Structures are given as structure tokens and as C-alpha cells.
Amino acid sequence: MLLSPSGNRTKSWACEHCKNWIGKDANMCKECYYAQPEDYSHIAGEEERRLDIIFKSKDMHIYEQLKKLAYEKNISLQEAFKSFFGKTTI
């Protein structure tokens, strides 16, 4: 996986703080987000999932609605996203 310099530093920090840093179990590394971002079971040993979303011109209104919701509820954008989709069925 190719990363930007800041993304590479994030990955390095995550690996350095992973519970597998000392044990270096290759199979655990293969199941990590940083090895297989499309099919992973953990991020640096933690049960987590990551979703990066980019809003471009035609979708900017969605971002603005999310931002407004976060502001009105005094919560982060991440919390607003989870709150909205946690209550919505598709």
C-alpha cells in the first residue's frame, strides 16, 4: 500500500505501538489494515475499522449537512456520521 509521508508516519507509529511489535507474528501482520486495507481483521492489533471519505463538488452538500448536525449536537463529525448511520437503514 502506497502512503503519503504523513500516512507512512501514522502507519509506523501504529506498528510501533502494536501488541505484535515484539512478537512479530507475520500472520497477524498480514491481517492488519496496513497490509490489506480491503480485507483486514484489525488495525495495529486493535479491533477497529477505518473509513476515509472524500467529498467532492457534487457531494459537498452532504458534508455540510453532516457538519451542521455535528455543530448543532456539539459532537465531532465522526460522532455525527456514526449517529446518523446508526439510526438509518439502507
N, C-alpha and C. Protein backbone atom coordinates (compact mmCIF):
# COMPACT_ATOMS: atom_id res chain seq x y z
N MET A 1 0.85 -1.17 0.00
CA MET A 1 0.00 0.00 0.00
C MET A 1 0.90 1.23 0.00
N LEU A 2 0.72 2.11 -0.97
CA LEU A 2 1.49 3.34 -1.04
C LEU A 2 0.87 4.38 -0.11
N LEU A 3 1.72 5.09 0.62
CA LEU A 3 1.25 6.09 1.56
C LEU A 3 1.97 7.41 1.35
N SER A 4 1.31 8.49 1.71
CA SER A 4 1.95 9.79 1.74
C SER A 4 2.94 9.81 2.91
N PRO A 5 3.82 10.80 2.98
CA PRO A 5 4.73 10.85 4.13
C PRO A 5 4.00 10.86 5.48
N SER A 6 2.92 11.62 5.59
CA SER A 6 2.20 11.65 6.87
C SER A 6 1.48 10.32 7.11
N GLY A 7 0.94 9.71 6.05
CA GLY A 7 0.30 8.41 6.18
C GLY A 7 1.30 7.33 6.58
N ASN A 8 2.51 7.42 6.02
CA ASN A 8 3.55 6.46 6.36
C ASN A 8 3.95 6.60 7.83
N ARG A 9 4.01 7.83 8.31
CA ARG A 9 4.35 8.04 9.73
C ARG A 9 3.25 7.49 10.63
N THR A 10 1.99 7.68 10.24
CA THR A 10 0.87 7.14 11.00
C THR A 10 0.98 5.62 11.09
N LYS A 11 1.28 5.00 9.94
CA LYS A 11 1.45 3.54 9.91
C LYS A 11 2.61 3.11 10.80
N SER A 12 3.73 3.81 10.69
CA SER A 12 4.90 3.46 11.51
C SER A 12 4.58 3.55 12.99
N TRP A 13 3.90 4.63 13.40
CA TRP A 13 3.54 4.81 14.81
C TRP A 13 2.62 3.68 15.26
N ALA A 14 1.63 3.35 14.42
CA ALA A 14 0.68 2.29 14.76
C ALA A 14 1.42 0.96 14.93
N CYS A 15 2.32 0.64 14.02
CA CYS A 15 3.07 -0.61 14.11
C CYS A 15 3.96 -0.63 15.36
N GLU A 16 4.61 0.50 15.65
CA GLU A 16 5.49 0.58 16.81
C GLU A 16 4.73 0.40 18.12
N HIS A 17 3.44 0.72 18.13
CA HIS A 17 2.64 0.62 19.35
C HIS A 17 1.69 -0.59 19.34
N CYS A 18 1.83 -1.43 18.33
CA CYS A 18 1.01 -2.64 18.22
C CYS A 18 1.50 -3.68 19.23
N LYS A 19 0.54 -4.46 19.76
CA LYS A 19 0.93 -5.52 20.71
C LYS A 19 1.78 -6.59 20.03
N ASN A 20 1.81 -6.61 18.70
CA ASN A 20 2.61 -7.58 17.96
C ASN A 20 4.02 -7.04 17.64
N TRP A 21 4.34 -5.85 18.09
CA TRP A 21 5.63 -5.23 17.77
C TRP A 21 6.80 -6.10 18.25
N ILE A 22 6.66 -6.68 19.41
CA ILE A 22 7.74 -7.52 19.95
C ILE A 22 7.67 -8.93 19.39
N GLY A 23 6.48 -9.52 19.35
CA GLY A 23 6.32 -10.90 18.88
C GLY A 23 6.54 -11.08 17.39
N LYS A 24 6.20 -10.07 16.62
CA LYS A 24 6.38 -10.08 15.16
C LYS A 24 5.79 -11.32 14.49
N ASP A 25 4.54 -11.63 14.83
CA ASP A 25 3.83 -12.74 14.19
C ASP A 25 3.41 -12.29 12.79
N ALA A 26 4.02 -12.87 11.77
CA ALA A 26 3.76 -12.46 10.39
C ALA A 26 2.30 -12.63 10.00
N ASN A 27 1.64 -13.66 10.49
CA ASN A 27 0.22 -13.86 10.17
C ASN A 27 -0.64 -12.74 10.73
N MET A 28 -0.31 -12.26 11.92
CA MET A 28 -1.05 -11.14 12.48
C MET A 28 -0.85 -9.89 11.62
N CYS A 29 0.38 -9.68 11.18
CA CYS A 29 0.66 -8.52 10.32
C CYS A 29 -0.12 -8.62 9.01
N LYS A 30 -0.24 -9.81 8.46
CA LYS A 30 -0.97 -10.00 7.20
C LYS A 30 -2.45 -9.68 7.32
N GLU A 31 -2.99 -9.76 8.54
CA GLU A 31 -4.41 -9.48 8.76
C GLU A 31 -4.67 -8.02 9.14
N CYS A 32 -3.62 -7.21 9.16
CA CYS A 32 -3.73 -5.80 9.58
C CYS A 32 -4.19 -4.90 8.43
N TYR A 33 -4.87 -3.83 8.78
CA TYR A 33 -5.31 -2.82 7.81
C TYR A 33 -4.15 -2.33 6.95
N TYR A 34 -3.00 -2.13 7.56
CA TYR A 34 -1.87 -1.58 6.82
C TYR A 34 -1.27 -2.58 5.83
N ALA A 35 -1.60 -3.86 5.95
CA ALA A 35 -1.16 -4.86 4.98
C ALA A 35 -2.23 -5.12 3.92
N GLN A 36 -3.49 -5.14 4.34
CA GLN A 36 -4.62 -5.46 3.45
C GLN A 36 -5.79 -4.51 3.72
N PRO A 37 -5.75 -3.28 3.23
CA PRO A 37 -6.82 -2.32 3.56
C PRO A 37 -8.21 -2.71 3.06
N GLU A 38 -8.30 -3.63 2.11
CA GLU A 38 -9.61 -4.06 1.62
C GLU A 38 -10.17 -5.24 2.41
N ASP A 39 -9.31 -5.95 3.13
CA ASP A 39 -9.75 -7.15 3.86
C ASP A 39 -8.85 -7.35 5.08
N TYR A 40 -9.23 -6.76 6.20
CA TYR A 40 -8.40 -6.83 7.39
C TYR A 40 -9.25 -7.16 8.61
N SER A 41 -8.61 -7.66 9.65
CA SER A 41 -9.34 -8.01 10.87
C SER A 41 -9.04 -7.06 12.03
N HIS A 42 -8.00 -6.24 11.87
CA HIS A 42 -7.63 -5.31 12.94
C HIS A 42 -6.79 -4.18 12.38
N ILE A 43 -6.60 -3.16 13.21
CA ILE A 43 -5.66 -2.08 12.90
C ILE A 43 -4.66 -2.04 14.05
N ALA A 44 -3.44 -2.41 13.75
CA ALA A 44 -2.36 -2.44 14.75
C ALA A 44 -2.77 -3.21 16.00
N GLY A 45 -3.42 -4.34 15.80
CA GLY A 45 -3.79 -5.21 16.90
C GLY A 45 -5.08 -4.86 17.62
N GLU A 46 -5.71 -3.77 17.25
CA GLU A 46 -6.96 -3.35 17.88
C GLU A 46 -8.13 -3.68 16.96
N GLU A 47 -9.24 -4.12 17.54
CA GLU A 47 -10.43 -4.38 16.73
C GLU A 47 -11.03 -3.04 16.33
N GLU A 48 -10.68 -2.60 15.15
CA GLU A 48 -11.13 -1.31 14.61
C GLU A 48 -11.40 -1.46 13.12
N ARG A 49 -12.17 -0.54 12.59
CA ARG A 49 -12.37 -0.42 11.15
C ARG A 49 -12.17 1.04 10.79
N ARG A 50 -11.68 1.26 9.61
CA ARG A 50 -11.38 2.61 9.16
C ARG A 50 -12.11 2.89 7.86
N LEU A 51 -12.64 4.10 7.76
CA LEU A 51 -13.35 4.53 6.55
C LEU A 51 -12.94 5.96 6.25
N ASP A 52 -12.25 6.16 5.14
CA ASP A 52 -11.87 7.50 4.70
C ASP A 52 -12.82 7.93 3.59
N ILE A 53 -13.45 9.07 3.76
CA ILE A 53 -14.42 9.55 2.78
C ILE A 53 -13.97 10.90 2.26
N ILE A 54 -14.00 11.06 0.95
CA ILE A 54 -13.68 12.34 0.33
C ILE A 54 -14.95 12.88 -0.30
N PHE A 55 -15.30 14.10 0.07
CA PHE A 55 -16.46 14.77 -0.50
C PHE A 55 -15.97 15.74 -1.56
N LYS A 56 -16.41 15.55 -2.80
CA LYS A 56 -16.05 16.47 -3.89
C LYS A 56 -17.27 17.30 -4.24
N SER A 57 -17.10 18.20 -5.17
CA SER A 57 -18.08 19.23 -5.51
C SER A 57 -19.54 18.80 -5.45
N LYS A 58 -19.94 17.76 -6.15
CA LYS A 58 -21.36 17.41 -6.21
C LYS A 58 -21.88 16.82 -4.89
N ASP A 59 -20.98 16.38 -4.03
CA ASP A 59 -21.38 15.80 -2.74
C ASP A 59 -21.11 16.72 -1.56
N MET A 60 -20.64 17.93 -1.84
CA MET A 60 -20.27 18.85 -0.76
C MET A 60 -21.44 19.15 0.16
N HIS A 61 -22.66 19.15 -0.38
CA HIS A 61 -23.84 19.43 0.46
C HIS A 61 -24.02 18.36 1.54
N ILE A 62 -23.62 17.14 1.25
CA ILE A 62 -23.72 16.07 2.24
C ILE A 62 -22.77 16.37 3.41
N TYR A 63 -21.57 16.77 3.07
CA TYR A 63 -20.59 17.13 4.10
C TYR A 63 -21.10 18.29 4.94
N GLU A 64 -21.66 19.30 4.29
CA GLU A 64 -22.16 20.47 5.02
C GLU A 64 -23.31 20.09 5.95
N GLN A 65 -24.18 19.18 5.52
CA GLN A 65 -25.27 18.71 6.39
C GLN A 65 -24.71 17.99 7.61
N LEU A 66 -23.71 17.17 7.39
CA LEU A 66 -23.08 16.43 8.47
C LEU A 66 -22.40 17.39 9.45
N LYS A 67 -21.73 18.38 8.90
CA LYS A 67 -21.05 19.39 9.71
C LYS A 67 -22.06 20.17 10.55
N LYS A 68 -23.19 20.52 9.95
CA LYS A 68 -24.25 21.25 10.66
C LYS A 68 -24.81 20.39 11.80
N LEU A 69 -25.06 19.12 11.53
CA LEU A 69 -25.56 18.21 12.55
C LEU A 69 -24.58 18.12 13.72
N ALA A 70 -23.30 18.00 13.40
CA ALA A 70 -22.27 17.92 14.44
C ALA A 70 -22.25 19.19 15.28
N TYR A 71 -22.34 20.32 14.63
CA TYR A 71 -22.33 21.60 15.34
C TYR A 71 -23.54 21.73 16.25
N GLU A 72 -24.72 21.40 15.72
CA GLU A 72 -25.95 21.53 16.49
C GLU A 72 -25.96 20.62 17.72
N LYS A 73 -25.36 19.45 17.60
CA LYS A 73 -25.34 18.49 18.72
C LYS A 73 -24.07 18.61 19.56
N ASN A 74 -23.18 19.53 19.14
CA ASN A 74 -21.91 19.74 19.83
C ASN A 74 -21.11 18.43 19.92
N ILE A 75 -21.01 17.75 18.78
CA ILE A 75 -20.26 16.50 18.69
C ILE A 75 -19.30 16.57 17.50
N SER A 76 -18.39 15.63 17.42
CA SER A 76 -17.44 15.61 16.31
C SER A 76 -18.13 15.13 15.03
N LEU A 77 -17.49 15.38 13.90
CA LEU A 77 -18.01 14.88 12.62
C LEU A 77 -18.09 13.36 12.64
N GLN A 78 -17.12 12.71 13.23
CA GLN A 78 -17.13 11.25 13.32
C GLN A 78 -18.34 10.77 14.12
N GLU A 79 -18.60 11.42 15.24
CA GLU A 79 -19.75 11.03 16.06
C GLU A 79 -21.06 11.29 15.31
N ALA A 80 -21.13 12.40 14.57
CA ALA A 80 -22.34 12.73 13.80
C ALA A 80 -22.57 11.68 12.72
N PHE A 81 -21.52 11.27 12.04
CA PHE A 81 -21.62 10.25 11.00
C PHE A 81 -22.15 8.94 11.58
N LYS A 82 -21.56 8.51 12.69
CA LYS A 82 -21.99 7.26 13.33
C LYS A 82 -23.42 7.37 13.83
N SER A 83 -23.77 8.52 14.38
CA SER A 83 -25.12 8.74 14.89
C SER A 83 -26.14 8.64 13.75
N PHE A 84 -25.84 9.30 12.65
CA PHE A 84 -26.75 9.30 11.50
C PHE A 84 -26.92 7.90 10.93
N PHE A 85 -25.83 7.23 10.67
CA PHE A 85 -25.90 5.91 10.04
C PHE A 85 -26.29 4.81 11.02
N GLY A 86 -26.12 5.05 12.30
CA GLY A 86 -26.56 4.07 13.29
C GLY A 86 -28.07 3.99 13.40
N LYS A 87 -28.76 5.06 12.97
CA LYS A 87 -30.22 5.12 13.05
C LYS A 87 -30.88 4.88 11.71
N THR A 88 -30.10 4.83 10.65
CA THR A 88 -30.63 4.74 9.30
C THR A 88 -30.51 3.31 8.77
N THR A 89 -31.55 2.85 8.11
CA THR A 89 -31.45 1.57 7.41
C THR A 89 -31.45 1.84 5.92
N ILE A 90 -30.63 1.13 5.22
CA ILE A 90 -30.49 1.36 3.77
C ILE A 90 -31.19 0.25 3.03
